[in-house]
Amino acid sequence: MADHPIVHIEIPSSNFKKDSDFYAKVFGWQINSDPTFDYWMFQPQSGPGGGFIGLEPPSSAKINQPLIYVGTDDIEASLKDIEAAGGKTVSPTMEIPGTGWFAIFTDPAGNQMALYKAMNPGQ
């Protein structure tokens, strides 16, 4: 079976600056922002990093519902496995320009999660 690590976490936020300042102050996370996408990212000293996702459409983010991204080598095959095990595809595979691809699914309990495949693995 392929390795499926947690590779990214998105924390819903209505104020990127305020929320990123909180996590930087409390946990010492490094914060970077990408003005092209208005996306604020965090990187802890170890483990997966992530970002703060807005609550405005087209985002489906909701407060109290962080989104965890699981790495995969084949999103479509993983979605088939998820559906065969009782999960559901919420959003089909979409490209993150210059970065990779993702898809969103729910597990049988209704928890929303995501799959991620890097465009250039190992970089």
PDB file of N, CA and C in Angstrom:
ATOM      1  N   MET A   1       0.844  -1.184   0.000  1.00  0.00           N
ATOM      2  CA  MET A   1       0.000   0.000   0.000  1.00  0.00           C
ATOM      3  C   MET A   1       0.888   1.244   0.000  1.00  0.00           C
ATOM      4  N   ALA A   2       0.489   2.239  -0.742  1.00  0.00           N
ATOM      5  CA  ALA A   2       1.244   3.489  -0.838  1.00  0.00           C
ATOM      6  C   ALA A   2       1.213   4.239   0.490  1.00  0.00           C
ATOM      7  N   ASP A   3       2.228   5.043   0.732  1.00  0.00           N
ATOM      8  CA  ASP A   3       2.299   5.898   1.905  1.00  0.00           C
ATOM      9  C   ASP A   3       1.315   7.047   1.721  1.00  0.00           C
ATOM     10  N   HIS A   4       0.516   7.335   2.723  1.00  0.00           N
ATOM     11  CA  HIS A   4      -0.464   8.422   2.652  1.00  0.00           C
ATOM     12  C   HIS A   4      -0.305   9.349   3.860  1.00  0.00           C
ATOM     13  N   PRO A   5       0.771  10.161   3.875  1.00  0.00           N
ATOM     14  CA  PRO A   5       1.009  11.045   5.025  1.00  0.00           C
ATOM     15  C   PRO A   5       0.073  12.251   5.019  1.00  0.00           C
ATOM     16  N   ILE A   6      -0.080  12.846   6.179  1.00  0.00           N
ATOM     17  CA  ILE A   6      -0.748  14.147   6.240  1.00  0.00           C
ATOM     18  C   ILE A   6       0.268  15.150   5.709  1.00  0.00           C
ATOM     19  N   VAL A   7      -0.126  15.920   4.681  1.00  0.00           N
ATOM     20  CA  VAL A   7       0.825  16.806   4.018  1.00  0.00           C
ATOM     21  C   VAL A   7       0.499  18.294   4.165  1.00  0.00           C
ATOM     22  N   HIS A   8      -0.719  18.625   4.586  1.00  0.00           N
ATOM     23  CA  HIS A   8      -1.108  20.032   4.630  1.00  0.00           C
ATOM     24  C   HIS A   8      -2.376  20.139   5.473  1.00  0.00           C
ATOM     25  N   ILE A   9      -2.519  21.222   6.187  1.00  0.00           N
ATOM     26  CA  ILE A   9      -3.719  21.467   6.988  1.00  0.00           C
ATOM     27  C   ILE A   9      -4.169  22.893   6.713  1.00  0.00           C
ATOM     28  N   GLU A  10      -5.463  23.080   6.491  1.00  0.00           N
ATOM     29  CA  GLU A  10      -5.994  24.436   6.312  1.00  0.00           C
ATOM     30  C   GLU A  10      -6.909  24.770   7.483  1.00  0.00           C
ATOM     31  N   ILE A  11      -6.628  25.926   8.086  1.00  0.00           N
ATOM     32  CA  ILE A  11      -7.400  26.408   9.221  1.00  0.00           C
ATOM     33  C   ILE A  11      -8.306  27.532   8.722  1.00  0.00           C
ATOM     34  N   PRO A  12      -9.628  27.387   8.861  1.00  0.00           N
ATOM     35  CA  PRO A  12     -10.538  28.451   8.438  1.00  0.00           C
ATOM     36  C   PRO A  12     -10.278  29.746   9.221  1.00  0.00           C
ATOM     37  N   SER A  13     -10.362  30.865   8.537  1.00  0.00           N
ATOM     38  CA  SER A  13     -10.039  32.146   9.157  1.00  0.00           C
ATOM     39  C   SER A  13     -10.841  33.273   8.526  1.00  0.00           C
ATOM     40  N   SER A  14     -11.288  34.198   9.369  1.00  0.00           N
ATOM     41  CA  SER A  14     -11.933  35.404   8.850  1.00  0.00           C
ATOM     42  C   SER A  14     -10.981  36.592   8.911  1.00  0.00           C
ATOM     43  N   ASN A  15      -9.780  36.379   9.508  1.00  0.00           N
ATOM     44  CA  ASN A  15      -8.787  37.439   9.606  1.00  0.00           C
ATOM     45  C   ASN A  15      -7.402  36.789   9.577  1.00  0.00           C
ATOM     46  N   PHE A  16      -6.833  36.665   8.375  1.00  0.00           N
ATOM     47  CA  PHE A  16      -5.558  35.961   8.205  1.00  0.00           C
ATOM     48  C   PHE A  16      -4.452  36.534   9.084  1.00  0.00           C
ATOM     49  N   LYS A  17      -4.309  37.843   9.109  1.00  0.00           N
ATOM     50  CA  LYS A  17      -3.240  38.491   9.874  1.00  0.00           C
ATOM     51  C   LYS A  17      -3.374  38.184  11.359  1.00  0.00           C
ATOM     52  N   LYS A  18      -4.555  38.391  11.906  1.00  0.00           N
ATOM     53  CA  LYS A  18      -4.787  38.164  13.335  1.00  0.00           C
ATOM     54  C   LYS A  18      -4.556  36.696  13.701  1.00  0.00           C
ATOM     55  N   ASP A  19      -5.106  35.790  12.896  1.00  0.00           N
ATOM     56  CA  ASP A  19      -4.982  34.371  13.219  1.00  0.00           C
ATOM     57  C   ASP A  19      -3.548  33.875  13.053  1.00  0.00           C
ATOM     58  N   SER A  20      -2.861  34.327  12.007  1.00  0.00           N
ATOM     59  CA  SER A  20      -1.470  33.896  11.822  1.00  0.00           C
ATOM     60  C   SER A  20      -0.581  34.462  12.927  1.00  0.00           C
ATOM     61  N   ASP A  21      -0.841  35.687  13.362  1.00  0.00           N
ATOM     62  CA  ASP A  21      -0.090  36.267  14.481  1.00  0.00           C
ATOM     63  C   ASP A  21      -0.279  35.433  15.755  1.00  0.00           C
ATOM     64  N   PHE A  22      -1.497  34.959  15.991  1.00  0.00           N
ATOM     65  CA  PHE A  22      -1.782  34.126  17.156  1.00  0.00           C
ATOM     66  C   PHE A  22      -0.919  32.870  17.143  1.00  0.00           C
ATOM     67  N   TYR A  23      -0.924  32.126  16.032  1.00  0.00           N
ATOM     68  CA  TYR A  23      -0.173  30.877  15.954  1.00  0.00           C
ATOM     69  C   TYR A  23       1.347  31.112  15.987  1.00  0.00           C
ATOM     70  N   ALA A  24       1.793  32.210  15.407  1.00  0.00           N
ATOM     71  CA  ALA A  24       3.223  32.539  15.461  1.00  0.00           C
ATOM     72  C   ALA A  24       3.643  32.837  16.900  1.00  0.00           C
ATOM     73  N   LYS A  25       2.826  33.597  17.613  1.00  0.00           N
ATOM     74  CA  LYS A  25       3.148  33.975  18.991  1.00  0.00           C
ATOM     75  C   LYS A  25       3.071  32.776  19.936  1.00  0.00           C
ATOM     76  N   VAL A  26       2.016  31.975  19.822  1.00  0.00           N
ATOM     77  CA  VAL A  26       1.805  30.875  20.763  1.00  0.00           C
ATOM     78  C   VAL A  26       2.728  29.690  20.488  1.00  0.00           C
ATOM     79  N   PHE A  27       2.900  29.328  19.206  1.00  0.00           N
ATOM     80  CA  PHE A  27       3.650  28.119  18.866  1.00  0.00           C
ATOM     81  C   PHE A  27       4.981  28.379  18.163  1.00  0.00           C
ATOM     82  N   GLY A  28       5.258  29.626  17.808  1.00  0.00           N
ATOM     83  CA  GLY A  28       6.503  29.943  17.128  1.00  0.00           C
ATOM     84  C   GLY A  28       6.525  29.519  15.669  1.00  0.00           C
ATOM     85  N   TRP A  29       5.343  29.328  15.076  1.00  0.00           N
ATOM     86  CA  TRP A  29       5.284  28.918  13.669  1.00  0.00           C
ATOM     87  C   TRP A  29       5.763  30.048  12.768  1.00  0.00           C
ATOM     88  N   GLN A  30       6.482  29.687  11.718  1.00  0.00           N
ATOM     89  CA  GLN A  30       6.902  30.655  10.707  1.00  0.00           C
ATOM     90  C   GLN A  30       5.695  30.949   9.811  1.00  0.00           C
ATOM     91  N   ILE A  31       5.452  32.218   9.551  1.00  0.00           N
ATOM     92  CA  ILE A  31       4.302  32.631   8.734  1.00  0.00           C
ATOM     93  C   ILE A  31       4.813  33.293   7.464  1.00  0.00           C
ATOM     94  N   ASN A  32       4.237  32.913   6.331  1.00  0.00           N
ATOM     95  CA  ASN A  32       4.517  33.539   5.035  1.00  0.00           C
ATOM     96  C   ASN A  32       3.190  33.800   4.350  1.00  0.00           C
ATOM     97  N   SER A  33       3.149  34.828   3.528  1.00  0.00           N
ATOM     98  CA  SER A  33       1.926  35.060   2.769  1.00  0.00           C
ATOM     99  C   SER A  33       2.259  35.123   1.283  1.00  0.00           C
ATOM    100  N   ASP A  34       1.305  34.682   0.493  1.00  0.00           N
ATOM    101  CA  ASP A  34       1.436  34.722  -0.960  1.00  0.00           C
ATOM    102  C   ASP A  34       0.431  35.746  -1.475  1.00  0.00           C
ATOM    103  N   PRO A  35       0.900  36.955  -1.807  1.00  0.00           N
ATOM    104  CA  PRO A  35      -0.025  38.004  -2.231  1.00  0.00           C
ATOM    105  C   PRO A  35      -0.762  37.676  -3.533  1.00  0.00           C
ATOM    106  N   THR A  36      -0.203  36.797  -4.349  1.00  0.00           N
ATOM    107  CA  THR A  36      -0.862  36.418  -5.598  1.00  0.00           C
ATOM    108  C   THR A  36      -2.220  35.790  -5.328  1.00  0.00           C
ATOM    109  N   PHE A  37      -2.275  34.953  -4.288  1.00  0.00           N
ATOM    110  CA  PHE A  37      -3.515  34.246  -3.968  1.00  0.00           C
ATOM    111  C   PHE A  37      -4.140  34.724  -2.663  1.00  0.00           C
ATOM    112  N   ASP A  38      -3.550  35.737  -2.000  1.00  0.00           N
ATOM    113  CA  ASP A  38      -3.978  36.177  -0.675  1.00  0.00           C
ATOM    114  C   ASP A  38      -4.110  34.962   0.236  1.00  0.00           C
ATOM    115  N   TYR A  39      -3.025  34.184   0.297  1.00  0.00           N
ATOM    116  CA  TYR A  39      -3.009  32.946   1.069  1.00  0.00           C
ATOM    117  C   TYR A  39      -1.886  33.028   2.090  1.00  0.00           C
ATOM    118  N   TRP A  40      -2.223  32.884   3.361  1.00  0.00           N
ATOM    119  CA  TRP A  40      -1.254  32.934   4.456  1.00  0.00           C
ATOM    120  C   TRP A  40      -0.913  31.513   4.851  1.00  0.00           C
ATOM    121  N   MET A  41       0.386  31.200   4.901  1.00  0.00           N
ATOM    122  CA  MET A  41       0.835  29.840   5.181  1.00  0.00           C
ATOM    123  C   MET A  41       1.613  29.797   6.490  1.00  0.00           C
ATOM    124  N   PHE A  42       1.552  28.637   7.154  1.00  0.00           N
ATOM    125  CA  PHE A  42       2.327  28.442   8.374  1.00  0.00           C
ATOM    126  C   PHE A  42       3.198  27.202   8.234  1.00  0.00           C
ATOM    127  N   GLN A  43       4.349  27.236   8.938  1.00  0.00           N
ATOM    128  CA  GLN A  43       5.241  26.077   8.965  1.00  0.00           C
ATOM    129  C   GLN A  43       5.731  25.908  10.397  1.00  0.00           C
ATOM    130  N   PRO A  44       5.309  24.829  11.058  1.00  0.00           N
ATOM    131  CA  PRO A  44       5.842  24.553  12.389  1.00  0.00           C
ATOM    132  C   PRO A  44       7.292  24.080  12.300  1.00  0.00           C
ATOM    133  N   GLN A  45       7.940  23.913  13.436  1.00  0.00           N
ATOM    134  CA  GLN A  45       9.323  23.458  13.449  1.00  0.00           C
ATOM    135  C   GLN A  45       9.445  22.039  12.884  1.00  0.00           C
ATOM    136  N   SER A  46       8.401  21.226  13.030  1.00  0.00           N
ATOM    137  CA  SER A  46       8.383  19.887  12.449  1.00  0.00           C
ATOM    138  C   SER A  46       6.944  19.529  12.091  1.00  0.00           C
ATOM    139  N   GLY A  47       6.798  18.518  11.282  1.00  0.00           N
ATOM    140  CA  GLY A  47       5.467  18.091  10.859  1.00  0.00           C
ATOM    141  C   GLY A  47       4.955  18.898   9.686  1.00  0.00           C
ATOM    142  N   PRO A  48       3.741  18.569   9.247  1.00  0.00           N
ATOM    143  CA  PRO A  48       3.202  19.264   8.077  1.00  0.00           C
ATOM    144  C   PRO A  48       2.842  20.708   8.379  1.00  0.00           C
ATOM    145  N   GLY A  49       2.958  21.528   7.378  1.00  0.00           N
ATOM    146  CA  GLY A  49       2.541  22.915   7.480  1.00  0.00           C
ATOM    147  C   GLY A  49       1.147  23.061   6.911  1.00  0.00           C
ATOM    148  N   GLY A  50       0.757  24.281   6.678  1.00  0.00           N
ATOM    149  CA  GLY A  50      -0.580  24.508   6.147  1.00  0.00           C
ATOM    150  C   GLY A  50      -0.813  25.965   5.854  1.00  0.00           C
ATOM    151  N   GLY A  51      -2.075  26.316   5.859  1.00  0.00           N
ATOM    152  CA  GLY A  51      -2.445  27.681   5.551  1.00  0.00           C
ATOM    153  C   GLY A  51      -3.767  28.051   6.188  1.00  0.00           C
ATOM    154  N   PHE A  52      -4.103  29.310   6.051  1.00  0.00           N
ATOM    155  CA  PHE A  52      -5.369  29.833   6.551  1.00  0.00           C
ATOM    156  C   PHE A  52      -6.269  30.070   5.345  1.00  0.00           C
ATOM    157  N   ILE A  53      -7.440  29.458   5.367  1.00  0.00           N
ATOM    158  CA  ILE A  53      -8.358  29.557   4.237  1.00  0.00           C
ATOM    159  C   ILE A  53      -9.532  30.452   4.621  1.00  0.00           C
ATOM    160  N   GLY A  54      -9.903  31.323   3.684  1.00  0.00           N
ATOM    161  CA  GLY A  54     -11.001  32.250   3.935  1.00  0.00           C
ATOM    162  C   GLY A  54     -12.358  31.565   3.977  1.00  0.00           C
ATOM    163  N   LEU A  55     -13.307  32.267   4.520  1.00  0.00           N
ATOM    164  CA  LEU A  55     -14.652  31.731   4.686  1.00  0.00           C
ATOM    165  C   LEU A  55     -15.606  32.183   3.588  1.00  0.00           C
ATOM    166  N   GLU A  56     -15.138  33.057   2.715  1.00  0.00           N
ATOM    167  CA  GLU A  56     -15.997  33.600   1.659  1.00  0.00           C
ATOM    168  C   GLU A  56     -16.068  32.648   0.465  1.00  0.00           C
ATOM    169  N   PRO A  57     -17.225  32.588  -0.212  1.00  0.00           N
ATOM    170  CA  PRO A  57     -17.320  31.759  -1.431  1.00  0.00           C
ATOM    171  C   PRO A  57     -16.276  32.214  -2.447  1.00  0.00           C
ATOM    172  N   PRO A  58     -15.696  31.329  -3.242  1.00  0.00           N
ATOM    173  CA  PRO A  58     -16.149  29.957  -3.483  1.00  0.00           C
ATOM    174  C   PRO A  58     -15.657  28.951  -2.453  1.00  0.00           C
ATOM    175  N   SER A  59     -14.954  29.400  -1.414  1.00  0.00           N
ATOM    176  CA  SER A  59     -14.478  28.480  -0.386  1.00  0.00           C
ATOM    177  C   SER A  59     -15.654  27.803   0.296  1.00  0.00           C
ATOM    178  N   SER A  60     -15.471  26.543   0.652  1.00  0.00           N
ATOM    179  CA  SER A  60     -16.501  25.829   1.417  1.00  0.00           C
ATOM    180  C   SER A  60     -16.087  25.704   2.880  1.00  0.00           C
ATOM    181  N   ALA A  61     -15.037  26.450   3.288  1.00  0.00           N
ATOM    182  CA  ALA A  61     -14.526  26.379   4.652  1.00  0.00           C
ATOM    183  C   ALA A  61     -15.552  26.902   5.651  1.00  0.00           C
ATOM    184  N   LYS A  62     -15.539  26.300   6.836  1.00  0.00           N
ATOM    185  CA  LYS A  62     -16.402  26.710   7.927  1.00  0.00           C
ATOM    186  C   LYS A  62     -15.575  26.722   9.206  1.00  0.00           C
ATOM    187  N   ILE A  63     -15.833  27.698  10.079  1.00  0.00           N
ATOM    188  CA  ILE A  63     -15.173  27.743  11.380  1.00  0.00           C
ATOM    189  C   ILE A  63     -15.412  26.415  12.084  1.00  0.00           C
ATOM    190  N   ASN A  64     -14.444  25.956  12.839  1.00  0.00           N
ATOM    191  CA  ASN A  64     -14.473  24.674  13.567  1.00  0.00           C
ATOM    192  C   ASN A  64     -14.286  23.477  12.655  1.00  0.00           C
ATOM    193  N   GLN A  65     -13.904  23.686  11.393  1.00  0.00           N
ATOM    194  CA  GLN A  65     -13.730  22.568  10.484  1.00  0.00           C
ATOM    195  C   GLN A  65     -12.427  22.703   9.688  1.00  0.00           C
ATOM    196  N   PRO A  66     -11.267  22.519  10.352  1.00  0.00           N
ATOM    197  CA  PRO A  66     -10.012  22.516   9.595  1.00  0.00           C
ATOM    198  C   PRO A  66     -10.041  21.414   8.545  1.00  0.00           C
ATOM    199  N   LEU A  67      -9.333  21.607   7.465  1.00  0.00           N
ATOM    200  CA  LEU A  67      -9.290  20.632   6.382  1.00  0.00           C
ATOM    201  C   LEU A  67      -7.903  19.997   6.356  1.00  0.00           C
ATOM    202  N   ILE A  68      -7.864  18.679   6.476  1.00  0.00           N
ATOM    203  CA  ILE A  68      -6.614  17.931   6.499  1.00  0.00           C
ATOM    204  C   ILE A  68      -6.405  17.305   5.126  1.00  0.00           C
ATOM    205  N   TYR A  69      -5.206  17.523   4.554  1.00  0.00           N
ATOM    206  CA  TYR A  69      -4.855  16.983   3.244  1.00  0.00           C
ATOM    207  C   TYR A  69      -3.976  15.744   3.426  1.00  0.00           C
ATOM    208  N   VAL A  70      -4.369  14.655   2.774  1.00  0.00           N
ATOM    209  CA  VAL A  70      -3.625  13.402   2.819  1.00  0.00           C
ATOM    210  C   VAL A  70      -2.918  13.229   1.476  1.00  0.00           C
ATOM    211  N   GLY A  71      -1.626  12.948   1.506  1.00  0.00           N
ATOM    212  CA  GLY A  71      -0.862  12.769   0.281  1.00  0.00           C
ATOM    213  C   GLY A  71      -1.212  11.464  -0.418  1.00  0.00           C
ATOM    214  N   THR A  72      -1.180  11.501  -1.741  1.00  0.00           N
ATOM    215  CA  THR A  72      -1.428  10.306  -2.548  1.00  0.00           C
ATOM    216  C   THR A  72      -0.653  10.420  -3.854  1.00  0.00           C
ATOM    217  N   ASP A  73      -0.311   9.273  -4.423  1.00  0.00           N
ATOM    218  CA  ASP A  73       0.343   9.258  -5.736  1.00  0.00           C
ATOM    219  C   ASP A  73      -0.672   9.274  -6.867  1.00  0.00           C
ATOM    220  N   ASP A  74      -1.940   8.944  -6.549  1.00  0.00           N
ATOM    221  CA  ASP A  74      -2.979   8.820  -7.578  1.00  0.00           C
ATOM    222  C   ASP A  74      -4.325   9.222  -6.979  1.00  0.00           C
ATOM    223  N   ILE A  75      -4.725  10.452  -7.199  1.00  0.00           N
ATOM    224  CA  ILE A  75      -5.965  10.962  -6.615  1.00  0.00           C
ATOM    225  C   ILE A  75      -7.172  10.159  -7.087  1.00  0.00           C
ATOM    226  N   GLU A  76      -7.250   9.876  -8.380  1.00  0.00           N
ATOM    227  CA  GLU A  76      -8.426   9.167  -8.904  1.00  0.00           C
ATOM    228  C   GLU A  76      -8.548   7.761  -8.299  1.00  0.00           C
ATOM    229  N   ALA A  77      -7.435   7.047  -8.172  1.00  0.00           N
ATOM    230  CA  ALA A  77      -7.468   5.712  -7.567  1.00  0.00           C
ATOM    231  C   ALA A  77      -7.868   5.813  -6.092  1.00  0.00           C
ATOM    232  N   SER A  78      -7.363   6.825  -5.397  1.00  0.00           N
ATOM    233  CA  SER A  78      -7.721   7.006  -3.985  1.00  0.00           C
ATOM    234  C   SER A  78      -9.201   7.330  -3.838  1.00  0.00           C
ATOM    235  N   LEU A  79      -9.752   8.160  -4.732  1.00  0.00           N
ATOM    236  CA  LEU A  79     -11.188   8.471  -4.674  1.00  0.00           C
ATOM    237  C   LEU A  79     -12.026   7.214  -4.902  1.00  0.00           C
ATOM    238  N   LYS A  80     -11.589   6.342  -5.808  1.00  0.00           N
ATOM    239  CA  LYS A  80     -12.306   5.078  -6.027  1.00  0.00           C
ATOM    240  C   LYS A  80     -12.286   4.230  -4.764  1.00  0.00           C
ATOM    241  N   ASP A  81     -11.130   4.156  -4.103  1.00  0.00           N
ATOM    242  CA  ASP A  81     -11.020   3.399  -2.854  1.00  0.00           C
ATOM    243  C   ASP A  81     -11.915   4.007  -1.767  1.00  0.00           C
ATOM    244  N   ILE A  82     -11.930   5.332  -1.692  1.00  0.00           N
ATOM    245  CA  ILE A  82     -12.759   6.032  -0.699  1.00  0.00           C
ATOM    246  C   ILE A  82     -14.230   5.708  -0.925  1.00  0.00           C
ATOM    247  N   GLU A  83     -14.687   5.805  -2.174  1.00  0.00           N
ATOM    248  CA  GLU A  83     -16.093   5.536  -2.481  1.00  0.00           C
ATOM    249  C   GLU A  83     -16.443   4.069  -2.255  1.00  0.00           C
ATOM    250  N   ALA A  84     -15.521   3.159  -2.571  1.00  0.00           N
ATOM    251  CA  ALA A  84     -15.767   1.731  -2.343  1.00  0.00           C
ATOM    252  C   ALA A  84     -15.881   1.412  -0.851  1.00  0.00           C
ATOM    253  N   ALA A  85     -15.246   2.223  -0.012  1.00  0.00           N
ATOM    254  CA  ALA A  85     -15.275   2.007   1.429  1.00  0.00           C
ATOM    255  C   ALA A  85     -16.387   2.798   2.120  1.00  0.00           C
ATOM    256  N   GLY A  86     -17.232   3.491   1.348  1.00  0.00           N
ATOM    257  CA  GLY A  86     -18.367   4.210   1.929  1.00  0.00           C
ATOM    258  C   GLY A  86     -18.227   5.709   2.007  1.00  0.00           C
ATOM    259  N   GLY A  87     -17.114   6.252   1.516  1.00  0.00           N
ATOM    260  CA  GLY A  87     -16.941   7.706   1.481  1.00  0.00           C
ATOM    261  C   GLY A  87     -17.547   8.283   0.218  1.00  0.00           C
ATOM    262  N   LYS A  88     -17.488   9.615   0.092  1.00  0.00           N
ATOM    263  CA  LYS A  88     -18.050  10.289  -1.080  1.00  0.00           C
ATOM    264  C   LYS A  88     -17.114  11.386  -1.569  1.00  0.00           C
ATOM    265  N   THR A  89     -17.034  11.543  -2.873  1.00  0.00           N
ATOM    266  CA  THR A  89     -16.284  12.648  -3.467  1.00  0.00           C
ATOM    267  C   THR A  89     -17.136  13.908  -3.359  1.00  0.00           C
ATOM    268  N   VAL A  90     -16.564  14.972  -2.793  1.00  0.00           N
ATOM    269  CA  VAL A  90     -17.267  16.245  -2.650  1.00  0.00           C
ATOM    270  C   VAL A  90     -16.873  17.180  -3.788  1.00  0.00           C
ATOM    271  N   SER A  91     -15.572  17.268  -4.064  1.00  0.00           N
ATOM    272  CA  SER A  91     -15.051  18.093  -5.159  1.00  0.00           C
ATOM    273  C   SER A  91     -14.071  17.244  -5.948  1.00  0.00           C
ATOM    274  N   PRO A  92     -14.233  17.189  -7.262  1.00  0.00           N
ATOM    275  CA  PRO A  92     -13.319  16.391  -8.078  1.00  0.00           C
ATOM    276  C   PRO A  92     -11.924  16.999  -8.093  1.00  0.00           C
ATOM    277  N   THR A  93     -11.006  16.302  -8.698  1.00  0.00           N
ATOM    278  CA  THR A  93      -9.620  16.760  -8.781  1.00  0.00           C
ATOM    279  C   THR A  93      -9.536  18.127  -9.447  1.00  0.00           C
ATOM    280  N   MET A  94      -8.829  19.042  -8.782  1.00  0.00           N
ATOM    281  CA  MET A  94      -8.607  20.396  -9.302  1.00  0.00           C
ATOM    282  C   MET A  94      -7.127  20.718  -9.181  1.00  0.00           C
ATOM    283  N   GLU A  95      -6.629  21.525 -10.089  1.00  0.00           N
ATOM    284  CA  GLU A  95      -5.218  21.908 -10.060  1.00  0.00           C
ATOM    285  C   GLU A  95      -5.002  23.153  -9.221  1.00  0.00           C
ATOM    286  N   ILE A  96      -3.918  23.150  -8.463  1.00  0.00           N
ATOM    287  CA  ILE A  96      -3.401  24.348  -7.808  1.00  0.00           C
ATOM    288  C   ILE A  96      -2.234  24.769  -8.700  1.00  0.00           C
ATOM    289  N   PRO A  97      -2.384  25.832  -9.487  1.00  0.00           N
ATOM    290  CA  PRO A  97      -1.375  26.178 -10.487  1.00  0.00           C
ATOM    291  C   PRO A  97       0.050  26.196  -9.945  1.00  0.00           C
ATOM    292  N   GLY A  98       0.909  25.456 -10.628  1.00  0.00           N
ATOM    293  CA  GLY A  98       2.317  25.409 -10.287  1.00  0.00           C
ATOM    294  C   GLY A  98       2.654  24.621  -9.031  1.00  0.00           C
ATOM    295  N   THR A  99       1.662  23.997  -8.409  1.00  0.00           N
ATOM    296  CA  THR A  99       1.881  23.325  -7.129  1.00  0.00           C
ATOM    297  C   THR A  99       1.491  21.850  -7.147  1.00  0.00           C
ATOM    298  N   GLY A 100       0.271  21.559  -7.583  1.00  0.00           N
ATOM    299  CA  GLY A 100      -0.212  20.181  -7.561  1.00  0.00           C
ATOM    300  C   GLY A 100      -1.699  20.105  -7.795  1.00  0.00           C
ATOM    301  N   TRP A 101      -2.310  19.029  -7.300  1.00  0.00           N
ATOM    302  CA  TRP A 101      -3.733  18.786  -7.489  1.00  0.00           C
ATOM    303  C   TRP A 101      -4.347  18.355  -6.166  1.00  0.00           C
ATOM    304  N   PHE A 102      -5.651  18.606  -6.012  1.00  0.00           N
ATOM    305  CA  PHE A 102      -6.347  18.155  -4.814  1.00  0.00           C
ATOM    306  C   PHE A 102      -7.783  17.781  -5.155  1.00  0.00           C
ATOM    307  N   ALA A 103      -8.387  17.017  -4.285  1.00  0.00           N
ATOM    308  CA  ALA A 103      -9.800  16.668  -4.358  1.00  0.00           C
ATOM    309  C   ALA A 103     -10.299  16.589  -2.925  1.00  0.00           C
ATOM    310  N   ILE A 104     -11.580  16.874  -2.725  1.00  0.00           N
ATOM    311  CA  ILE A 104     -12.159  16.841  -1.384  1.00  0.00           C
ATOM    312  C   ILE A 104     -13.155  15.689  -1.311  1.00  0.00           C
ATOM    313  N   PHE A 105     -13.143  15.002  -0.162  1.00  0.00           N
ATOM    314  CA  PHE A 105     -14.050  13.877   0.046  1.00  0.00           C
ATOM    315  C   PHE A 105     -14.588  13.901   1.465  1.00  0.00           C
ATOM    316  N   THR A 106     -15.618  13.095   1.716  1.00  0.00           N
ATOM    317  CA  THR A 106     -16.088  12.865   3.076  1.00  0.00           C
ATOM    318  C   THR A 106     -15.915  11.390   3.395  1.00  0.00           C
ATOM    319  N   ASP A 107     -15.626  11.123   4.659  1.00  0.00           N
ATOM    320  CA  ASP A 107     -15.552   9.737   5.111  1.00  0.00           C
ATOM    321  C   ASP A 107     -16.973   9.277   5.453  1.00  0.00           C
ATOM    322  N   PRO A 108     -17.185   8.017   5.803  1.00  0.00           N
ATOM    323  CA  PRO A 108     -18.540   7.547   6.096  1.00  0.00           C
ATOM    324  C   PRO A 108     -19.238   8.300   7.238  1.00  0.00           C
ATOM    325  N   ALA A 109     -18.464   8.897   8.159  1.00  0.00           N
ATOM    326  CA  ALA A 109     -19.056   9.662   9.254  1.00  0.00           C
ATOM    327  C   ALA A 109     -19.426  11.081   8.847  1.00  0.00           C
ATOM    328  N   GLY A 110     -19.017  11.504   7.641  1.00  0.00           N
ATOM    329  CA  GLY A 110     -19.317  12.849   7.161  1.00  0.00           C
ATOM    330  C   GLY A 110     -18.195  13.851   7.356  1.00  0.00           C
ATOM    331  N   ASN A 111     -17.045  13.421   7.880  1.00  0.00           N
ATOM    332  CA  ASN A 111     -15.907  14.331   8.030  1.00  0.00           C
ATOM    333  C   ASN A 111     -15.337  14.678   6.666  1.00  0.00           C
ATOM    334  N   GLN A 112     -15.123  15.959   6.442  1.00  0.00           N
ATOM    335  CA  GLN A 112     -14.560  16.411   5.170  1.00  0.00           C
ATOM    336  C   GLN A 112     -13.042  16.397   5.253  1.00  0.00           C
ATOM    337  N   MET A 113     -12.398  15.785   4.266  1.00  0.00           N
ATOM    338  CA  MET A 113     -10.943  15.677   4.176  1.00  0.00           C
ATOM    339  C   MET A 113     -10.557  15.978   2.728  1.00  0.00           C
ATOM    340  N   ALA A 114      -9.260  16.000   2.440  1.00  0.00           N
ATOM    341  CA  ALA A 114      -8.799  16.254   1.085  1.00  0.00           C
ATOM    342  C   ALA A 114      -7.640  15.334   0.744  1.00  0.00           C
ATOM    343  N   LEU A 115      -7.481  15.100  -0.537  1.00  0.00           N
ATOM    344  CA  LEU A 115      -6.330  14.376  -1.087  1.00  0.00           C
ATOM    345  C   LEU A 115      -5.437  15.391  -1.775  1.00  0.00           C
ATOM    346  N   TYR A 116      -4.141  15.138  -1.814  1.00  0.00           N
ATOM    347  CA  TYR A 116      -3.218  16.051  -2.477  1.00  0.00           C
ATOM    348  C   TYR A 116      -2.126  15.262  -3.184  1.00  0.00           C
ATOM    349  N   LYS A 117      -1.821  15.681  -4.387  1.00  0.00           N
ATOM    350  CA  LYS A 117      -0.704  15.131  -5.147  1.00  0.00           C
ATOM    351  C   LYS A 117       0.160  16.297  -5.602  1.00  0.00           C
ATOM    352  N   ALA A 118       1.437  16.272  -5.232  1.00  0.00           N
ATOM    353  CA  ALA A 118       2.364  17.340  -5.589  1.00  0.00           C
ATOM    354  C   ALA A 118       2.715  17.275  -7.076  1.00  0.00           C
ATOM    355  N   MET A 119       2.863  18.427  -7.692  1.00  0.00           N
ATOM    356  CA  MET A 119       3.272  18.511  -9.087  1.00  0.00           C
ATOM    357  C   MET A 119       4.716  18.061  -9.239  1.00  0.00           C
ATOM    358  N   ASN A 120       5.582  18.460  -8.309  1.00  0.00           N
ATOM    359  CA  ASN A 120       6.991  18.104  -8.309  1.00  0.00           C
ATOM    360  C   ASN A 120       7.349  17.470  -6.977  1.00  0.00           C
ATOM    361  N   PRO A 121       7.014  16.181  -6.778  1.00  0.00           N
ATOM    362  CA  PRO A 121       7.286  15.533  -5.491  1.00  0.00           C
ATOM    363  C   PRO A 121       8.760  15.652  -5.097  1.00  0.00           C
ATOM    364  N   GLY A 122       8.978  15.813  -3.814  1.00  0.00           N
ATOM    365  CA  GLY A 122      10.341  15.888  -3.304  1.00  0.00           C
ATOM    366  C   GLY A 122      10.951  17.270  -3.309  1.00  0.00           C
ATOM    367  N   GLN A 123      10.238  18.244  -3.814  1.00  0.00           N
ATOM    368  CA  GLN A 123      10.791  19.606  -3.819  1.00  0.00           C
ATOM    369  C   GLN A 123      10.230  20.401  -2.681  1.00  0.00           C
TER     370      GLN A 123
END
